[in-house]
């Protein structure tokens, strides 16, 4: 099981996207850039707000839900385990994962306080767009963040991001796989651990 998972994790991310319908490419660079600019503005609004940490985490969760392709991300991160998971388990995992990812990456976004986020480049890649952004941080080197944007669902949404070279999808898929192994293949136990981390 572990070997199979590792093989799938190692496959290029694009492999699962090549079968998207041709209509996906209807998105253009301007739309992709507009989505990410709106996302960055919302992130900045939360970072600079006077809300409590709990409120900020809830706001980051809402941002993640509004701007990302949650169904694709959750399914990819769950990996081969999604094939044997029930609909109820998939729904529970998706909900728990949203809270977990909001808290985890929300902490990274807090690093942007007193910094500045900006879009640097937009380029077409197969059936989606990659939007390169730069976070200018005080007393630190700029941090590169790349968002992968498509309209696969009929909406412009990001389905992956690289933060400082770390691939969100592959990193979280490995983390979830490790939790599955730790719990001897028990999906419900894995979901409970995700909930405890969020």
N, C-alpha and C. Protein backbone atom coordinates (compact mmCIF):
# COMPACT_ATOMS: atom_id res chain seq x y z
N UNK A 1 0.83 -1.21 0.00
CA UNK A 1 0.00 0.00 0.00
C UNK A 1 0.86 1.25 0.00
N UNK A 2 1.89 1.22 0.85
CA UNK A 2 2.75 2.39 0.95
C UNK A 2 3.53 2.60 -0.33
N UNK A 3 4.01 1.52 -0.94
CA UNK A 3 4.76 1.66 -2.18
C UNK A 3 3.89 2.23 -3.28
N UNK A 4 2.67 1.74 -3.33
CA UNK A 4 1.74 2.23 -4.35
C UNK A 4 1.48 3.71 -4.16
N UNK A 5 1.27 4.12 -2.90
CA UNK A 5 1.01 5.52 -2.63
C UNK A 5 2.20 6.38 -3.03
N UNK A 6 3.40 5.93 -2.69
CA UNK A 6 4.59 6.71 -3.02
C UNK A 6 4.75 6.88 -4.52
N UNK A 7 4.41 5.82 -5.26
CA UNK A 7 4.50 5.91 -6.72
C UNK A 7 3.54 6.96 -7.24
N UNK A 8 2.32 6.95 -6.71
CA UNK A 8 1.33 7.93 -7.17
C UNK A 8 1.69 9.34 -6.78
N UNK A 9 2.28 9.50 -5.59
CA UNK A 9 2.69 10.83 -5.16
C UNK A 9 3.77 11.36 -6.08
N UNK A 10 4.63 10.47 -6.58
CA UNK A 10 5.75 10.88 -7.41
C UNK A 10 5.33 11.25 -8.82
N UNK A 11 4.12 10.86 -9.23
CA UNK A 11 3.68 11.18 -10.58
C UNK A 11 3.54 12.68 -10.75
N UNK A 12 3.81 13.21 -11.94
CA UNK A 12 3.64 14.64 -12.16
C UNK A 12 2.19 15.06 -11.90
N UNK A 13 2.05 16.20 -11.27
CA UNK A 13 0.72 16.71 -10.96
C UNK A 13 -0.14 16.85 -12.21
N UNK A 14 0.49 17.19 -13.31
CA UNK A 14 -0.27 17.42 -14.54
C UNK A 14 -0.96 16.17 -15.03
N UNK A 15 -0.51 15.00 -14.68
CA UNK A 15 -1.07 13.76 -15.20
C UNK A 15 -2.57 13.68 -14.96
N UNK A 16 -3.00 14.13 -13.81
CA UNK A 16 -4.42 14.06 -13.49
C UNK A 16 -5.23 15.17 -14.11
N UNK A 17 -4.58 16.11 -14.76
CA UNK A 17 -5.28 17.28 -15.29
C UNK A 17 -5.38 17.27 -16.81
N UNK A 18 -4.64 16.37 -17.46
CA UNK A 18 -4.59 16.39 -18.91
C UNK A 18 -5.91 16.01 -19.55
N UNK A 19 -6.78 15.34 -18.80
CA UNK A 19 -8.05 14.91 -19.35
C UNK A 19 -9.17 15.93 -19.11
N UNK A 20 -8.84 17.09 -18.60
CA UNK A 20 -9.86 18.12 -18.42
C UNK A 20 -10.40 18.52 -19.78
N UNK A 21 -11.67 18.89 -19.86
CA UNK A 21 -12.25 19.27 -21.15
C UNK A 21 -11.58 20.51 -21.74
N UNK A 22 -11.64 20.61 -23.06
CA UNK A 22 -11.01 21.73 -23.75
C UNK A 22 -11.53 23.08 -23.27
N UNK A 23 -12.78 23.11 -22.81
CA UNK A 23 -13.38 24.38 -22.39
C UNK A 23 -12.65 25.00 -21.22
N UNK A 24 -11.85 24.19 -20.51
CA UNK A 24 -11.13 24.71 -19.35
C UNK A 24 -10.24 25.88 -19.74
N UNK A 25 -9.65 25.83 -20.93
CA UNK A 25 -8.71 26.85 -21.35
C UNK A 25 -9.41 28.18 -21.64
N UNK A 26 -10.74 28.23 -21.44
CA UNK A 26 -11.46 29.49 -21.63
C UNK A 26 -10.95 30.57 -20.70
N UNK A 27 -10.40 30.17 -19.57
CA UNK A 27 -9.81 31.15 -18.67
C UNK A 27 -8.61 31.80 -19.36
N UNK A 28 -8.37 33.09 -19.08
CA UNK A 28 -7.22 33.76 -19.68
C UNK A 28 -6.35 34.35 -18.58
N UNK A 29 -5.23 34.93 -18.98
CA UNK A 29 -4.26 35.44 -18.01
C UNK A 29 -4.84 36.56 -17.16
N UNK A 30 -5.68 37.40 -17.77
CA UNK A 30 -6.27 38.52 -17.02
C UNK A 30 -7.18 38.00 -15.91
N UNK A 31 -7.97 36.99 -16.21
CA UNK A 31 -8.87 36.42 -15.21
C UNK A 31 -8.09 35.74 -14.09
N UNK A 32 -7.04 35.01 -14.47
CA UNK A 32 -6.21 34.34 -13.47
C UNK A 32 -5.56 35.36 -12.53
N UNK A 33 -5.03 36.43 -13.12
CA UNK A 33 -4.39 37.47 -12.32
C UNK A 33 -5.40 38.18 -11.43
N UNK A 34 -6.60 38.42 -11.96
CA UNK A 34 -7.64 39.10 -11.18
C UNK A 34 -8.03 38.25 -9.97
N UNK A 35 -8.15 36.94 -10.16
CA UNK A 35 -8.49 36.06 -9.04
C UNK A 35 -7.45 36.14 -7.94
N UNK A 36 -6.18 36.04 -8.31
CA UNK A 36 -5.12 36.02 -7.31
C UNK A 36 -4.95 37.38 -6.65
N UNK A 37 -5.14 38.46 -7.39
CA UNK A 37 -5.09 39.79 -6.77
C UNK A 37 -6.19 39.93 -5.70
N UNK A 38 -7.38 39.43 -6.02
CA UNK A 38 -8.47 39.47 -5.04
C UNK A 38 -8.15 38.61 -3.83
N UNK A 39 -7.56 37.44 -4.08
CA UNK A 39 -7.16 36.54 -2.99
C UNK A 39 -6.13 37.21 -2.08
N UNK A 40 -5.11 37.82 -2.68
CA UNK A 40 -4.07 38.48 -1.90
C UNK A 40 -4.63 39.64 -1.08
N UNK A 41 -5.57 40.36 -1.65
CA UNK A 41 -6.19 41.47 -0.92
C UNK A 41 -6.95 40.96 0.29
N UNK A 42 -7.68 39.86 0.11
CA UNK A 42 -8.43 39.29 1.23
C UNK A 42 -7.49 38.76 2.31
N UNK A 43 -6.38 38.15 1.90
CA UNK A 43 -5.39 37.68 2.87
C UNK A 43 -4.82 38.86 3.66
N UNK A 44 -4.48 39.92 2.95
CA UNK A 44 -3.95 41.11 3.62
C UNK A 44 -4.95 41.69 4.61
N UNK A 45 -6.22 41.72 4.23
CA UNK A 45 -7.26 42.26 5.11
C UNK A 45 -7.31 41.49 6.42
N UNK A 46 -7.17 40.16 6.33
CA UNK A 46 -7.21 39.33 7.54
C UNK A 46 -5.95 39.53 8.37
N UNK A 47 -4.80 39.51 7.70
CA UNK A 47 -3.51 39.65 8.39
C UNK A 47 -3.45 40.94 9.19
N UNK A 48 -3.96 42.04 8.62
CA UNK A 48 -3.86 43.33 9.27
C UNK A 48 -5.07 43.67 10.16
N UNK A 49 -6.02 42.74 10.24
CA UNK A 49 -7.20 43.01 11.08
C UNK A 49 -6.85 42.82 12.56
N UNK A 50 -7.70 43.32 13.42
CA UNK A 50 -7.47 43.19 14.86
C UNK A 50 -8.25 42.02 15.44
N UNK A 51 -8.72 41.14 14.59
CA UNK A 51 -9.49 39.98 15.03
C UNK A 51 -8.64 39.03 15.86
N UNK A 52 -9.29 38.18 16.63
CA UNK A 52 -8.59 37.17 17.41
C UNK A 52 -8.02 36.10 16.48
N UNK A 53 -7.12 35.28 17.00
CA UNK A 53 -6.52 34.22 16.20
C UNK A 53 -7.59 33.25 15.71
N UNK A 54 -8.55 32.95 16.58
CA UNK A 54 -9.62 32.03 16.19
C UNK A 54 -10.45 32.62 15.06
N UNK A 55 -10.73 33.92 15.13
CA UNK A 55 -11.51 34.58 14.08
C UNK A 55 -10.74 34.60 12.78
N UNK A 56 -9.43 34.86 12.87
CA UNK A 56 -8.61 34.89 11.66
C UNK A 56 -8.56 33.52 10.99
N UNK A 57 -8.46 32.46 11.80
CA UNK A 57 -8.45 31.11 11.25
C UNK A 57 -9.76 30.83 10.51
N UNK A 58 -10.87 31.26 11.10
CA UNK A 58 -12.17 31.07 10.47
C UNK A 58 -12.24 31.84 9.15
N UNK A 59 -11.66 33.05 9.14
CA UNK A 59 -11.66 33.86 7.92
C UNK A 59 -10.77 33.23 6.85
N UNK A 60 -9.63 32.68 7.25
CA UNK A 60 -8.76 32.01 6.28
C UNK A 60 -9.47 30.78 5.69
N UNK A 61 -10.24 30.08 6.53
CA UNK A 61 -10.99 28.92 6.05
C UNK A 61 -11.99 29.37 4.99
N UNK A 62 -12.65 30.49 5.24
CA UNK A 62 -13.63 31.01 4.28
C UNK A 62 -12.94 31.43 2.98
N UNK A 63 -11.75 32.03 3.10
CA UNK A 63 -10.99 32.41 1.91
C UNK A 63 -10.61 31.18 1.11
N UNK A 64 -10.13 30.15 1.80
CA UNK A 64 -9.75 28.91 1.13
C UNK A 64 -10.95 28.31 0.39
N UNK A 65 -12.13 28.35 1.01
CA UNK A 65 -13.33 27.80 0.41
C UNK A 65 -13.75 28.60 -0.83
N UNK A 66 -13.61 29.94 -0.75
CA UNK A 66 -14.08 30.80 -1.84
C UNK A 66 -13.14 30.83 -3.05
N UNK A 67 -11.84 30.71 -2.80
CA UNK A 67 -10.88 30.90 -3.89
C UNK A 67 -10.25 29.61 -4.41
N UNK A 68 -10.43 28.49 -3.71
CA UNK A 68 -9.77 27.26 -4.16
C UNK A 68 -10.77 26.21 -4.61
N UNK A 69 -10.29 25.28 -5.42
CA UNK A 69 -11.07 24.14 -5.89
C UNK A 69 -11.01 23.08 -4.79
N UNK A 70 -11.82 23.26 -3.77
CA UNK A 70 -11.76 22.43 -2.57
C UNK A 70 -11.96 20.95 -2.89
N UNK A 71 -12.92 20.63 -3.74
CA UNK A 71 -13.22 19.23 -4.03
C UNK A 71 -12.02 18.54 -4.67
N UNK A 72 -11.35 19.22 -5.60
CA UNK A 72 -10.19 18.62 -6.26
C UNK A 72 -9.03 18.46 -5.27
N UNK A 73 -8.76 19.50 -4.49
CA UNK A 73 -7.64 19.46 -3.55
C UNK A 73 -7.84 18.35 -2.53
N UNK A 74 -9.05 18.26 -1.95
CA UNK A 74 -9.32 17.23 -0.93
C UNK A 74 -9.19 15.84 -1.52
N UNK A 75 -9.72 15.64 -2.73
CA UNK A 75 -9.65 14.32 -3.36
C UNK A 75 -8.21 13.93 -3.67
N UNK A 76 -7.43 14.90 -4.17
CA UNK A 76 -6.03 14.61 -4.49
C UNK A 76 -5.24 14.29 -3.23
N UNK A 77 -5.46 15.08 -2.19
CA UNK A 77 -4.71 14.88 -0.94
C UNK A 77 -5.08 13.54 -0.31
N UNK A 78 -6.33 13.13 -0.40
CA UNK A 78 -6.74 11.84 0.16
C UNK A 78 -6.12 10.69 -0.61
N UNK A 79 -5.82 10.91 -1.89
CA UNK A 79 -5.10 9.93 -2.68
C UNK A 79 -5.86 8.64 -2.92
N UNK A 80 -5.14 7.52 -2.93
CA UNK A 80 -5.73 6.23 -3.25
C UNK A 80 -6.77 5.82 -2.22
N UNK A 81 -6.70 6.41 -1.01
CA UNK A 81 -7.66 6.06 0.02
C UNK A 81 -9.08 6.50 -0.35
N UNK A 82 -9.19 7.48 -1.23
CA UNK A 82 -10.51 7.97 -1.64
C UNK A 82 -11.31 6.88 -2.34
N UNK A 83 -10.62 5.91 -2.92
CA UNK A 83 -11.31 4.84 -3.66
C UNK A 83 -12.11 3.94 -2.73
N UNK A 84 -11.67 3.80 -1.49
CA UNK A 84 -12.39 2.92 -0.56
C UNK A 84 -13.16 3.70 0.50
N UNK A 85 -13.02 5.01 0.49
CA UNK A 85 -13.75 5.82 1.47
C UNK A 85 -15.21 5.95 1.08
N UNK A 86 -16.09 6.02 2.07
CA UNK A 86 -17.51 6.23 1.81
C UNK A 86 -17.76 7.71 1.51
N UNK A 87 -18.93 8.02 1.01
CA UNK A 87 -19.28 9.42 0.74
C UNK A 87 -19.24 10.23 2.03
N UNK A 88 -19.70 9.61 3.11
CA UNK A 88 -19.69 10.30 4.40
C UNK A 88 -18.27 10.60 4.85
N UNK A 89 -17.37 9.65 4.67
CA UNK A 89 -15.97 9.86 5.04
C UNK A 89 -15.32 10.93 4.17
N UNK A 90 -15.63 10.92 2.88
CA UNK A 90 -15.07 11.93 1.99
C UNK A 90 -15.53 13.33 2.39
N UNK A 91 -16.81 13.45 2.72
CA UNK A 91 -17.35 14.75 3.14
C UNK A 91 -16.72 15.20 4.45
N UNK A 92 -16.57 14.26 5.39
CA UNK A 92 -15.97 14.59 6.69
C UNK A 92 -14.51 14.99 6.53
N UNK A 93 -13.81 14.28 5.65
CA UNK A 93 -12.40 14.62 5.41
C UNK A 93 -12.28 16.00 4.78
N UNK A 94 -13.11 16.29 3.78
CA UNK A 94 -13.06 17.58 3.11
C UNK A 94 -13.28 18.72 4.10
N UNK A 95 -14.24 18.56 5.02
CA UNK A 95 -14.54 19.59 6.01
C UNK A 95 -13.37 19.76 6.98
N UNK A 96 -12.84 18.62 7.46
CA UNK A 96 -11.73 18.67 8.41
C UNK A 96 -10.48 19.25 7.75
N UNK A 97 -10.26 18.90 6.49
CA UNK A 97 -9.09 19.36 5.78
C UNK A 97 -9.13 20.87 5.57
N UNK A 98 -10.30 21.41 5.29
CA UNK A 98 -10.43 22.86 5.11
C UNK A 98 -10.00 23.61 6.36
N UNK A 99 -10.44 23.13 7.52
CA UNK A 99 -10.07 23.78 8.78
C UNK A 99 -8.58 23.63 9.04
N UNK A 100 -8.07 22.45 8.78
CA UNK A 100 -6.65 22.16 9.01
C UNK A 100 -5.75 23.04 8.13
N UNK A 101 -6.09 23.13 6.85
CA UNK A 101 -5.26 23.88 5.91
C UNK A 101 -5.34 25.38 6.19
N UNK A 102 -6.53 25.85 6.63
CA UNK A 102 -6.69 27.26 6.96
C UNK A 102 -5.80 27.64 8.13
N UNK A 103 -5.75 26.78 9.14
CA UNK A 103 -4.91 27.04 10.31
C UNK A 103 -3.43 26.96 9.95
N UNK A 104 -3.06 25.93 9.20
CA UNK A 104 -1.65 25.71 8.86
C UNK A 104 -1.08 26.84 8.00
N UNK A 105 -1.78 27.17 6.92
CA UNK A 105 -1.26 28.21 6.03
C UNK A 105 -1.59 29.60 6.52
N UNK A 106 -2.61 29.69 7.39
CA UNK A 106 -2.89 30.97 8.03
C UNK A 106 -1.71 31.44 8.85
N UNK A 107 -1.01 30.49 9.48
CA UNK A 107 0.18 30.83 10.26
C UNK A 107 1.27 31.37 9.33
N UNK A 108 1.38 30.79 8.14
CA UNK A 108 2.36 31.31 7.18
C UNK A 108 2.00 32.72 6.74
N UNK A 109 0.70 32.95 6.51
CA UNK A 109 0.27 34.27 6.05
C UNK A 109 0.50 35.35 7.11
N UNK A 110 0.50 34.96 8.38
CA UNK A 110 0.78 35.93 9.44
C UNK A 110 2.19 36.50 9.30
N UNK A 111 3.07 35.77 8.64
CA UNK A 111 4.43 36.25 8.43
C UNK A 111 4.45 37.49 7.52
N UNK A 112 3.34 37.70 6.81
CA UNK A 112 3.29 38.81 5.85
C UNK A 112 2.96 40.15 6.51
N UNK A 113 2.69 40.14 7.83
CA UNK A 113 2.42 41.40 8.51
C UNK A 113 3.59 42.36 8.32
N UNK A 114 3.27 43.59 7.96
CA UNK A 114 4.26 44.62 7.65
C UNK A 114 5.00 44.34 6.35
N UNK A 115 4.48 43.38 5.58
CA UNK A 115 5.08 43.07 4.28
C UNK A 115 4.17 43.51 3.15
N UNK A 116 4.46 43.00 1.97
CA UNK A 116 3.68 43.39 0.79
C UNK A 116 3.63 42.21 -0.17
N UNK A 117 2.43 41.93 -0.67
CA UNK A 117 2.22 40.85 -1.62
C UNK A 117 1.91 41.42 -3.00
N UNK A 118 2.53 40.86 -4.02
CA UNK A 118 2.25 41.36 -5.37
C UNK A 118 2.39 40.25 -6.40
N UNK A 119 1.61 40.36 -7.47
CA UNK A 119 1.70 39.43 -8.60
C UNK A 119 2.87 39.84 -9.47
N UNK A 120 3.72 38.88 -9.82
CA UNK A 120 4.90 39.17 -10.63
C UNK A 120 4.78 38.66 -12.07
N UNK A 121 4.10 37.53 -12.26
CA UNK A 121 4.05 36.95 -13.60
C UNK A 121 2.86 36.01 -13.72
N UNK A 122 2.30 35.91 -14.92
CA UNK A 122 1.21 34.99 -15.21
C UNK A 122 1.54 34.28 -16.53
N UNK A 123 1.43 32.95 -16.52
CA UNK A 123 1.74 32.20 -17.74
C UNK A 123 0.82 31.01 -17.90
N UNK A 124 0.50 30.71 -19.16
CA UNK A 124 -0.33 29.54 -19.47
C UNK A 124 0.52 28.28 -19.41
N UNK A 125 -0.02 27.24 -18.79
CA UNK A 125 0.65 25.94 -18.72
C UNK A 125 -0.41 24.88 -19.01
N UNK A 126 -0.36 24.28 -20.21
CA UNK A 126 -1.34 23.28 -20.63
C UNK A 126 -2.74 23.87 -20.51
N UNK A 127 -3.55 23.38 -19.56
CA UNK A 127 -4.94 23.81 -19.46
C UNK A 127 -5.19 24.71 -18.26
N UNK A 128 -4.16 25.30 -17.70
CA UNK A 128 -4.34 26.18 -16.56
C UNK A 128 -3.32 27.31 -16.61
N UNK A 129 -3.37 28.20 -15.62
CA UNK A 129 -2.41 29.30 -15.53
C UNK A 129 -1.66 29.23 -14.21
N UNK A 130 -0.40 29.57 -14.26
CA UNK A 130 0.41 29.70 -13.06
C UNK A 130 0.62 31.19 -12.81
N UNK A 131 0.30 31.61 -11.59
CA UNK A 131 0.43 33.02 -11.22
C UNK A 131 1.51 33.12 -10.16
N UNK A 132 2.63 33.72 -10.53
CA UNK A 132 3.75 33.90 -9.59
C UNK A 132 3.54 35.17 -8.78
N UNK A 133 3.64 35.04 -7.48
CA UNK A 133 3.54 36.20 -6.60
C UNK A 133 4.78 36.27 -5.72
N UNK A 134 5.00 37.43 -5.18
CA UNK A 134 6.15 37.65 -4.31
C UNK A 134 5.69 38.32 -3.03
N UNK A 135 6.09 37.75 -1.91
CA UNK A 135 5.79 38.35 -0.61
C UNK A 135 7.05 39.04 -0.11
N UNK A 136 7.02 40.36 -0.05
CA UNK A 136 8.15 41.13 0.46
C UNK A 136 8.00 41.21 1.98
N UNK A 137 8.92 40.58 2.69
CA UNK A 137 8.82 40.48 4.15
C UNK A 137 9.86 41.36 4.82
N UNK A 138 9.52 41.96 5.96
CA UNK A 138 10.48 42.80 6.67
C UNK A 138 11.63 41.95 7.21
N UNK A 139 12.84 42.43 7.02
CA UNK A 139 14.04 41.76 7.54
C UNK A 139 14.19 40.32 7.06
N UNK A 140 13.74 40.07 5.84
CA UNK A 140 13.83 38.71 5.31
C UNK A 140 13.84 38.75 3.78
N UNK A 141 14.31 37.67 3.19
CA UNK A 141 14.29 37.56 1.73
C UNK A 141 12.84 37.41 1.25
N UNK A 142 12.52 37.94 0.08
CA UNK A 142 11.16 37.78 -0.46
C UNK A 142 10.80 36.29 -0.59
N UNK A 143 9.55 35.98 -0.38
CA UNK A 143 9.06 34.61 -0.47
C UNK A 143 8.24 34.46 -1.74
N UNK A 144 8.59 33.46 -2.56
CA UNK A 144 7.86 33.21 -3.79
C UNK A 144 6.68 32.28 -3.54
N UNK A 145 5.51 32.67 -4.05
CA UNK A 145 4.31 31.85 -3.94
C UNK A 145 3.69 31.77 -5.33
N UNK A 146 3.49 30.55 -5.82
CA UNK A 146 2.90 30.35 -7.13
C UNK A 146 1.55 29.66 -6.99
N UNK A 147 0.52 30.24 -7.60
CA UNK A 147 -0.82 29.67 -7.58
C UNK A 147 -1.13 29.05 -8.95
N UNK A 148 -1.76 27.88 -8.95
CA UNK A 148 -2.21 27.22 -10.17
C UNK A 148 -3.71 27.48 -10.29
N UNK A 149 -4.13 28.11 -11.37
CA UNK A 149 -5.51 28.56 -11.52
C UNK A 149 -6.16 27.94 -12.75
N UNK A 150 -7.40 27.49 -12.60
CA UNK A 150 -8.17 26.97 -13.74
C UNK A 150 -9.64 27.31 -13.54
N UNK A 151 -10.46 27.03 -14.57
CA UNK A 151 -11.90 27.16 -14.43
C UNK A 151 -12.56 25.81 -14.67
N UNK A 152 -11.90 24.76 -14.19
CA UNK A 152 -12.38 23.38 -14.36
C UNK A 152 -13.82 23.22 -13.87
N UNK A 153 -14.16 23.91 -12.78
CA UNK A 153 -15.48 23.76 -12.17
C UNK A 153 -16.52 24.70 -12.77
N UNK A 154 -16.08 25.57 -13.68
CA UNK A 154 -16.95 26.61 -14.20
C UNK A 154 -16.69 27.94 -13.52
N UNK A 155 -15.87 27.92 -12.47
CA UNK A 155 -15.44 29.13 -11.78
C UNK A 155 -13.92 29.22 -11.84
N UNK A 156 -13.40 30.44 -11.77
CA UNK A 156 -11.95 30.62 -11.69
C UNK A 156 -11.51 30.36 -10.25
N UNK A 157 -10.70 29.31 -10.05
CA UNK A 157 -10.26 28.91 -8.72
C UNK A 157 -8.82 28.41 -8.78
N UNK A 158 -8.10 28.49 -7.66
CA UNK A 158 -6.77 27.89 -7.66
C UNK A 158 -6.87 26.46 -7.12
N UNK A 159 -6.08 25.54 -7.70
CA UNK A 159 -6.16 24.14 -7.29
C UNK A 159 -4.85 23.63 -6.69
N UNK A 160 -3.84 24.48 -6.64
CA UNK A 160 -2.59 24.11 -6.00
C UNK A 160 -1.78 25.39 -5.80
N UNK A 161 -0.81 25.33 -4.90
CA UNK A 161 0.12 26.44 -4.76
C UNK A 161 1.46 25.94 -4.25
N UNK A 162 2.50 26.64 -4.65
CA UNK A 162 3.85 26.40 -4.15
C UNK A 162 4.20 27.57 -3.24
N UNK A 163 4.56 27.28 -2.00
CA UNK A 163 4.97 28.32 -1.06
C UNK A 163 6.44 28.09 -0.74
N UNK A 164 7.29 28.99 -1.24
CA UNK A 164 8.72 28.82 -1.03
C UNK A 164 9.22 27.50 -1.61
N UNK A 165 8.63 27.08 -2.71
CA UNK A 165 9.05 25.84 -3.37
C UNK A 165 8.36 24.59 -2.85
N UNK A 166 7.53 24.71 -1.80
CA UNK A 166 6.82 23.55 -1.24
C UNK A 166 5.48 23.40 -1.96
N UNK A 167 5.25 22.22 -2.55
CA UNK A 167 4.04 21.92 -3.29
C UNK A 167 2.94 21.52 -2.31
N UNK A 168 1.89 22.33 -2.21
CA UNK A 168 0.81 22.06 -1.26
C UNK A 168 0.21 20.68 -1.46
N UNK A 169 -0.16 20.33 -2.69
CA UNK A 169 -0.82 19.06 -2.94
C UNK A 169 0.05 17.87 -2.56
N UNK A 170 1.28 17.86 -3.03
CA UNK A 170 2.16 16.72 -2.75
C UNK A 170 2.53 16.65 -1.29
N UNK A 171 2.77 17.80 -0.67
CA UNK A 171 3.15 17.82 0.74
C UNK A 171 2.01 17.31 1.62
N UNK A 172 0.80 17.80 1.38
CA UNK A 172 -0.33 17.38 2.21
C UNK A 172 -0.74 15.95 1.91
N UNK A 173 -0.57 15.49 0.68
CA UNK A 173 -0.88 14.10 0.36
C UNK A 173 0.06 13.16 1.12
N UNK A 174 1.33 13.53 1.20
CA UNK A 174 2.29 12.73 1.96
C UNK A 174 1.93 12.72 3.44
N UNK A 175 1.51 13.89 3.97
CA UNK A 175 1.14 13.99 5.38
C UNK A 175 -0.07 13.10 5.70
N UNK A 176 -1.08 13.16 4.84
CA UNK A 176 -2.28 12.35 5.05
C UNK A 176 -1.95 10.87 4.91
N UNK A 177 -1.10 10.54 3.94
CA UNK A 177 -0.69 9.15 3.78
C UNK A 177 0.00 8.62 5.02
N UNK A 178 0.83 9.46 5.63
CA UNK A 178 1.53 9.07 6.85
C UNK A 178 0.53 8.84 7.99
N UNK A 179 -0.51 9.68 8.07
CA UNK A 179 -1.52 9.50 9.10
C UNK A 179 -2.32 8.22 8.88
N UNK A 180 -2.61 7.90 7.62
CA UNK A 180 -3.31 6.65 7.30
C UNK A 180 -2.48 5.46 7.77
N UNK A 181 -1.18 5.49 7.46
CA UNK A 181 -0.30 4.39 7.87
C UNK A 181 -0.21 4.30 9.39
N UNK A 182 -0.11 5.45 10.04
CA UNK A 182 -0.02 5.48 11.50
C UNK A 182 -1.25 4.83 12.14
N UNK A 183 -2.41 5.02 11.50
CA UNK A 183 -3.66 4.48 12.03
C UNK A 183 -4.05 3.17 11.35
N UNK A 184 -3.07 2.48 10.77
CA UNK A 184 -3.27 1.15 10.18
C UNK A 184 -4.41 1.11 9.17
N UNK A 185 -4.50 2.16 8.35
CA UNK A 185 -5.50 2.20 7.29
C UNK A 185 -6.88 2.64 7.72
N UNK A 186 -7.03 3.05 8.98
CA UNK A 186 -8.34 3.46 9.49
C UNK A 186 -8.62 4.91 9.06
N UNK A 187 -9.51 5.08 8.09
CA UNK A 187 -9.81 6.41 7.55
C UNK A 187 -10.47 7.30 8.60
N UNK A 188 -11.39 6.75 9.39
CA UNK A 188 -12.06 7.55 10.42
C UNK A 188 -11.06 8.08 11.45
N UNK A 189 -10.10 7.23 11.84
CA UNK A 189 -9.08 7.66 12.80
C UNK A 189 -8.21 8.76 12.20
N UNK A 190 -7.89 8.64 10.90
CA UNK A 190 -7.11 9.68 10.23
C UNK A 190 -7.86 11.01 10.23
N UNK A 191 -9.17 10.96 9.96
CA UNK A 191 -9.98 12.17 9.94
C UNK A 191 -10.01 12.82 11.33
N UNK A 192 -10.12 12.00 12.36
CA UNK A 192 -10.12 12.54 13.73
C UNK A 192 -8.80 13.26 14.04
N UNK A 193 -7.70 12.70 13.55
CA UNK A 193 -6.40 13.35 13.77
C UNK A 193 -6.33 14.68 13.04
N UNK A 194 -6.85 14.72 11.81
CA UNK A 194 -6.89 15.97 11.05
C UNK A 194 -7.72 17.01 11.81
N UNK A 195 -8.85 16.57 12.35
CA UNK A 195 -9.71 17.48 13.11
C UNK A 195 -8.99 18.01 14.35
N UNK A 196 -8.20 17.17 15.00
CA UNK A 196 -7.47 17.60 16.19
C UNK A 196 -6.35 18.58 15.85
N UNK A 197 -5.88 18.54 14.61
CA UNK A 197 -4.81 19.44 14.18
C UNK A 197 -5.36 20.79 13.72
N UNK A 198 -6.66 20.87 13.53
CA UNK A 198 -7.26 22.08 12.96
C UNK A 198 -7.83 22.98 14.06
